[in-house]
Protein backbone atom coordinates (compact mmCIF):
# COMPACT_ATOMS: atom_id res chain seq x y z
CA UNK A 1 -39.02 -39.06 -5.71
CA UNK A 2 -37.27 -37.79 -2.60
CA UNK A 3 -35.38 -34.95 -2.77
CA UNK A 4 -31.96 -34.40 -0.82
CA UNK A 5 -31.77 -31.15 0.80
CA UNK A 6 -28.51 -29.78 0.27
CA UNK A 7 -26.19 -28.75 3.46
CA UNK A 8 -25.90 -25.27 4.14
CA UNK A 9 -21.97 -24.14 4.89
CA UNK A 10 -22.17 -21.67 7.33
CA UNK A 11 -20.30 -19.79 9.36
CA UNK A 12 -20.37 -18.31 12.56
CA UNK A 13 -20.46 -14.69 14.28
CA UNK A 14 -22.55 -11.50 14.65
CA UNK A 15 -25.76 -12.28 15.80
CA UNK A 16 -26.62 -15.38 14.10
CA UNK A 17 -25.04 -17.56 11.74
CA UNK A 18 -25.48 -16.99 8.38
CA UNK A 19 -24.15 -18.17 4.86
CA UNK A 20 -20.44 -17.65 3.43
CA UNK A 21 -23.10 -16.48 0.32
CA UNK A 22 -24.61 -14.16 2.59
CA UNK A 23 -21.30 -12.86 4.08
CA UNK A 24 -20.11 -11.96 0.80
CA UNK A 25 -23.23 -9.86 -0.30
CA UNK A 26 -22.98 -8.04 2.92
CA UNK A 27 -19.42 -7.13 2.77
CA UNK A 28 -20.32 -5.70 -0.91
CA UNK A 29 -22.90 -3.87 0.61
CA UNK A 30 -20.79 -2.42 3.21
CA UNK A 31 -17.61 -1.23 0.45
CA UNK A 32 -20.32 -0.07 -1.65
CA UNK A 33 -20.99 2.09 1.92
CA UNK A 34 -17.86 2.79 2.63
CA UNK A 35 -16.19 3.59 -1.19
CA UNK A 36 -19.17 6.07 -1.77
CA UNK A 37 -18.88 7.92 1.34
CA UNK A 38 -15.42 7.78 2.55
CA UNK A 39 -17.15 7.11 5.36
CA UNK A 40 -14.45 4.74 7.78
CA UNK A 41 -15.69 1.09 7.45
CA UNK A 42 -15.37 0.71 10.99
CA UNK A 43 -18.55 3.17 12.01
CA UNK A 44 -20.62 1.62 8.88
CA UNK A 45 -20.90 -1.75 10.87
CA UNK A 46 -24.57 -1.45 12.63
CA UNK A 47 -24.91 -3.68 15.16
CA UNK A 48 -23.64 -7.06 14.91
CA UNK A 49 -21.24 -8.26 12.05
CA UNK A 50 -20.88 -11.77 10.95
CA UNK A 51 -16.66 -12.05 11.38
CA UNK A 52 -16.64 -13.26 7.98
CA UNK A 53 -18.22 -10.12 6.72
CA UNK A 54 -16.32 -7.93 8.81
CA UNK A 55 -12.86 -9.42 8.45
CA UNK A 56 -13.43 -9.80 4.69
CA UNK A 57 -14.27 -5.90 4.45
CA UNK A 58 -11.39 -4.80 6.39
CA UNK A 59 -8.83 -7.02 4.33
CA UNK A 60 -10.39 -5.19 1.12
CA UNK A 61 -10.58 -1.96 2.76
CA UNK A 62 -6.73 -2.28 3.77
CA UNK A 63 -5.30 -3.46 0.54
CA UNK A 64 -8.01 -1.43 -1.80
CA UNK A 65 -5.12 0.40 -3.83
CA UNK A 66 -3.20 -2.86 -4.44
CA UNK A 67 -6.54 -4.86 -5.62
CA UNK A 68 -7.34 -2.29 -8.11
CA UNK A 69 -4.28 -2.10 -9.62
CA UNK A 70 -4.43 -5.84 -10.27
CA UNK A 71 -7.89 -5.09 -11.78
CA UNK A 72 -6.66 -2.45 -13.81
CA UNK A 73 -4.03 -4.90 -14.88
CA UNK A 74 -6.02 -7.29 -15.42
CA UNK A 75 -8.86 -5.64 -17.16
CA UNK A 76 -6.85 -4.01 -20.39
CA UNK A 77 -5.79 -0.85 -18.18
CA UNK A 78 -9.30 0.16 -17.48
CA UNK A 79 -8.54 1.79 -14.41
CA UNK A 80 -10.54 -0.04 -11.56
CA UNK A 81 -12.05 3.66 -10.66
CA UNK A 82 -14.14 3.90 -13.97
CA UNK A 83 -16.08 0.57 -12.85
CA UNK A 84 -19.11 0.69 -11.40
CA UNK A 85 -18.90 1.22 -7.10
CA UNK A 86 -20.58 -2.40 -7.15
CA UNK A 87 -18.50 -4.43 -9.78
CA UNK A 88 -15.49 -2.94 -8.67
CA UNK A 89 -16.01 -4.08 -4.86
CA UNK A 90 -17.25 -7.78 -5.56
CA UNK A 91 -14.16 -7.69 -7.62
CA UNK A 92 -12.35 -6.62 -4.53
CA UNK A 93 -14.05 -8.76 -2.33
CA UNK A 94 -13.20 -11.66 -5.38
CA UNK A 95 -9.51 -10.98 -5.42
CA UNK A 96 -9.29 -11.30 -1.20
CA UNK A 97 -11.12 -14.51 -1.41
CA UNK A 98 -8.88 -15.77 -4.24
CA UNK A 99 -5.80 -15.11 -2.45
CA UNK A 100 -6.70 -16.37 0.76
CA UNK A 101 -7.00 -19.40 -1.03
CA UNK A 102 -9.46 -21.41 1.32
CA UNK A 103 -12.57 -21.13 -1.69
CA UNK A 104 -11.97 -23.17 -4.52
CA UNK A 105 -11.01 -20.39 -7.25
CA UNK A 106 -14.73 -21.60 -9.76
CA UNK A 107 -16.80 -21.32 -6.60
CA UNK A 108 -15.14 -17.40 -5.94
CA UNK A 109 -15.93 -16.58 -9.96
CA UNK A 110 -18.93 -18.13 -9.75
CA UNK A 111 -20.33 -16.08 -6.48
CA UNK A 112 -19.03 -12.99 -7.85
CA UNK A 113 -20.58 -13.71 -11.08
CA UNK A 114 -23.86 -13.80 -9.58
CA UNK A 115 -23.68 -11.17 -7.35
CA UNK A 116 -22.80 -8.87 -10.24
CA UNK A 117 -25.52 -9.85 -12.14
CA UNK A 118 -28.38 -9.72 -9.25
CA UNK A 119 -26.69 -6.44 -8.12
CA UNK A 120 -25.53 -4.45 -11.02
CA UNK A 121 -26.41 -6.08 -14.36
CA UNK A 122 -25.66 -9.39 -17.01
CA UNK A 123 -23.21 -6.84 -18.72
CA UNK A 124 -21.21 -6.83 -15.24
CA UNK A 125 -21.72 -10.55 -14.58
CA UNK A 126 -19.36 -10.72 -18.25
CA UNK A 127 -16.90 -8.01 -17.08
CA UNK A 128 -16.47 -9.60 -13.45
CA UNK A 129 -16.06 -13.21 -15.35
CA UNK A 130 -13.84 -11.73 -17.71
CA UNK A 131 -11.25 -9.72 -14.89
CA UNK A 132 -11.39 -12.68 -12.82
CA UNK A 133 -11.22 -15.41 -15.61
CA UNK A 134 -7.57 -13.68 -16.56
CA UNK A 135 -6.58 -13.46 -12.96
CA UNK A 136 -7.04 -16.82 -12.42
CA UNK A 137 -5.33 -18.09 -15.61
CA UNK A 138 -2.41 -16.02 -14.83
CA UNK A 139 -2.70 -17.26 -11.49
CA UNK A 140 -2.62 -21.05 -13.08
CA UNK A 141 -0.08 -20.17 -15.07
């Protein structure tokens, strides 16, 4: 039985071509450093950074207070700054992607949950799912 290869959706920029999944991960890592150290985001870009990574990270940094307010509202008034830094930045990236509308909501949720489970914990995956699920439901209403 022959297996079909799944086509990998890639985006340009930076040194090579990377998948959107890799770009999201890179954006979360950059934003984590920015959030923890307070270092300006522009100085955290080492070498070439993919265009999508840079765009998402810059948008999140520019809109962080508004994104955090939305996260807080969707998490039953649990302040975004009390969430783990990884979880908070995964949620911020996901909200920017949901707002942009160029990625289906289901894909944004799945990618965010996967990142949370991989780089935080299974509980973080459930937390991210709950918060983003509420935001998507309210958006659809």
